[in-house]
């Protein structure tokens, strides 16, 4: 099972989530969504077995690295100022 990590879950992520969720079972993917606030996402995805929600402060390098290490694909939907650090992680 491939693990897809999405960092950030702002408004611009809605289409991405819809795309991924529609294909999770078909491709045997597991989706991990890490965001500073997962409360709104919990209502929508809490009963989906292939989706894990993680609270993440994007500036917490150690936590970021631990999530990235467990992932096959990382998609950053965070503000651009974080992209270089995430690529290095």
C-alpha atoms as a PDB file:
ATOM      1  CA  UNK A   1       0.000   0.000   0.000  1.00  0.00           C
ATOM      2  CA  UNK A   2       1.423   3.366  -1.031  1.00  0.00           C
ATOM      3  CA  UNK A   3       1.195   6.214   1.464  1.00  0.00           C
ATOM      4  CA  UNK A   4       0.446   9.701   0.174  1.00  0.00           C
ATOM      5  CA  UNK A   5       1.141  12.554   2.573  1.00  0.00           C
ATOM      6  CA  UNK A   6      -0.571  15.878   1.947  1.00  0.00           C
ATOM      7  CA  UNK A   7       0.882  18.724   3.979  1.00  0.00           C
ATOM      8  CA  UNK A   8      -1.703  21.461   4.365  1.00  0.00           C
ATOM      9  CA  UNK A   9      -5.453  21.338   3.925  1.00  0.00           C
ATOM     10  CA  UNK A  10      -6.541  24.831   2.991  1.00  0.00           C
ATOM     11  CA  UNK A  11      -9.238  25.797   0.508  1.00  0.00           C
ATOM     12  CA  UNK A  12      -6.981  25.091  -2.462  1.00  0.00           C
ATOM     13  CA  UNK A  13      -6.762  21.442  -1.373  1.00  0.00           C
ATOM     14  CA  UNK A  14     -10.426  20.563  -1.941  1.00  0.00           C
ATOM     15  CA  UNK A  15     -10.034  19.396  -5.551  1.00  0.00           C
ATOM     16  CA  UNK A  16      -6.907  17.420  -4.702  1.00  0.00           C
ATOM     17  CA  UNK A  17      -8.664  15.629  -1.826  1.00  0.00           C
ATOM     18  CA  UNK A  18     -11.657  14.822  -4.006  1.00  0.00           C
ATOM     19  CA  UNK A  19      -9.339  13.369  -6.678  1.00  0.00           C
ATOM     20  CA  UNK A  20      -7.344  11.268  -4.206  1.00  0.00           C
ATOM     21  CA  UNK A  21     -10.329  10.010  -2.206  1.00  0.00           C
ATOM     22  CA  UNK A  22     -12.061   8.826  -5.389  1.00  0.00           C
ATOM     23  CA  UNK A  23      -9.002   6.689  -6.215  1.00  0.00           C
ATOM     24  CA  UNK A  24      -7.854   5.411  -2.806  1.00  0.00           C
ATOM     25  CA  UNK A  25      -9.384   1.959  -3.042  1.00  0.00           C
ATOM     26  CA  UNK A  26      -8.670   1.466  -6.739  1.00  0.00           C
ATOM     27  CA  UNK A  27      -4.938   2.017  -6.239  1.00  0.00           C
ATOM     28  CA  UNK A  28      -4.659   0.726  -2.647  1.00  0.00           C
ATOM     29  CA  UNK A  29      -3.448   4.098  -1.446  1.00  0.00           C
ATOM     30  CA  UNK A  30      -3.452   5.365   2.120  1.00  0.00           C
ATOM     31  CA  UNK A  31      -3.850   9.109   2.521  1.00  0.00           C
ATOM     32  CA  UNK A  32      -2.312  11.018   5.419  1.00  0.00           C
ATOM     33  CA  UNK A  33      -3.401  14.636   5.720  1.00  0.00           C
ATOM     34  CA  UNK A  34      -1.326  16.829   8.026  1.00  0.00           C
ATOM     35  CA  UNK A  35      -2.605  20.285   8.892  1.00  0.00           C
ATOM     36  CA  UNK A  36      -2.528  22.722  11.785  1.00  0.00           C
ATOM     37  CA  UNK A  37      -6.258  22.179  12.339  1.00  0.00           C
ATOM     38  CA  UNK A  38      -7.905  18.904  11.362  1.00  0.00           C
ATOM     39  CA  UNK A  39     -11.271  19.476  13.065  1.00  0.00           C
ATOM     40  CA  UNK A  40     -13.125  20.386   9.859  1.00  0.00           C
ATOM     41  CA  UNK A  41     -11.561  17.431   8.054  1.00  0.00           C
ATOM     42  CA  UNK A  42     -12.452  15.041  10.860  1.00  0.00           C
ATOM     43  CA  UNK A  43     -16.172  15.526  10.193  1.00  0.00           C
ATOM     44  CA  UNK A  44     -15.723  14.672   6.527  1.00  0.00           C
ATOM     45  CA  UNK A  45     -13.144  11.862   6.685  1.00  0.00           C
ATOM     46  CA  UNK A  46     -13.198  10.326  10.172  1.00  0.00           C
ATOM     47  CA  UNK A  47     -14.981   7.161   9.014  1.00  0.00           C
ATOM     48  CA  UNK A  48     -12.754   6.527   6.015  1.00  0.00           C
ATOM     49  CA  UNK A  49     -10.393   3.652   6.837  1.00  0.00           C
ATOM     50  CA  UNK A  50      -7.739   4.735   4.309  1.00  0.00           C
ATOM     51  CA  UNK A  51      -7.426   8.310   5.571  1.00  0.00           C
ATOM     52  CA  UNK A  52      -5.414   9.410   8.597  1.00  0.00           C
ATOM     53  CA  UNK A  53      -5.521  12.965   9.903  1.00  0.00           C
ATOM     54  CA  UNK A  54      -2.485  14.365  11.689  1.00  0.00           C
ATOM     55  CA  UNK A  55      -2.123  17.689  13.453  1.00  0.00           C
ATOM     56  CA  UNK A  56       1.030  19.437  12.258  1.00  0.00           C
ATOM     57  CA  UNK A  57       2.685  22.762  12.925  1.00  0.00           C
ATOM     58  CA  UNK A  58       4.473  23.242   9.591  1.00  0.00           C
ATOM     59  CA  UNK A  59       7.466  24.818  11.321  1.00  0.00           C
ATOM     60  CA  UNK A  60       8.032  21.666  13.449  1.00  0.00           C
ATOM     61  CA  UNK A  61      10.854  20.114  11.432  1.00  0.00           C
ATOM     62  CA  UNK A  62      11.143  16.961  13.527  1.00  0.00           C
ATOM     63  CA  UNK A  63       7.430  16.150  13.200  1.00  0.00           C
ATOM     64  CA  UNK A  64       7.470  16.997   9.479  1.00  0.00           C
ATOM     65  CA  UNK A  65      10.427  14.710   8.899  1.00  0.00           C
ATOM     66  CA  UNK A  66       8.810  11.834  10.783  1.00  0.00           C
ATOM     67  CA  UNK A  67       5.678  12.048   8.621  1.00  0.00           C
ATOM     68  CA  UNK A  68       7.689  12.385   5.411  1.00  0.00           C
ATOM     69  CA  UNK A  69       9.838   9.360   6.310  1.00  0.00           C
ATOM     70  CA  UNK A  70       6.717   7.173   6.434  1.00  0.00           C
ATOM     71  CA  UNK A  71       5.429   8.341   3.042  1.00  0.00           C
ATOM     72  CA  UNK A  72       5.920   7.254  -0.550  1.00  0.00           C
ATOM     73  CA  UNK A  73       4.704  10.546  -2.025  1.00  0.00           C
ATOM     74  CA  UNK A  74       4.585  13.991  -0.407  1.00  0.00           C
ATOM     75  CA  UNK A  75       2.368  16.767  -1.732  1.00  0.00           C
ATOM     76  CA  UNK A  76       2.819  20.180  -0.170  1.00  0.00           C
ATOM     77  CA  UNK A  77      -0.215  22.425  -0.137  1.00  0.00           C
ATOM     78  CA  UNK A  78       1.486  24.667   2.399  1.00  0.00           C
ATOM     79  CA  UNK A  79       2.487  28.256   1.678  1.00  0.00           C
ATOM     80  CA  UNK A  80       5.455  28.517  -0.699  1.00  0.00           C
ATOM     81  CA  UNK A  81       7.843  29.620   2.061  1.00  0.00           C
ATOM     82  CA  UNK A  82       7.810  26.028   3.398  1.00  0.00           C
ATOM     83  CA  UNK A  83       8.515  24.221   0.106  1.00  0.00           C
ATOM     84  CA  UNK A  84      12.318  24.383   0.199  1.00  0.00           C
ATOM     85  CA  UNK A  85      12.486  23.029   3.754  1.00  0.00           C
ATOM     86  CA  UNK A  86      10.029  20.252   2.910  1.00  0.00           C
ATOM     87  CA  UNK A  87      12.056  19.277  -0.158  1.00  0.00           C
ATOM     88  CA  UNK A  88      15.167  19.059   2.039  1.00  0.00           C
ATOM     89  CA  UNK A  89      13.344  16.944   4.642  1.00  0.00           C
END
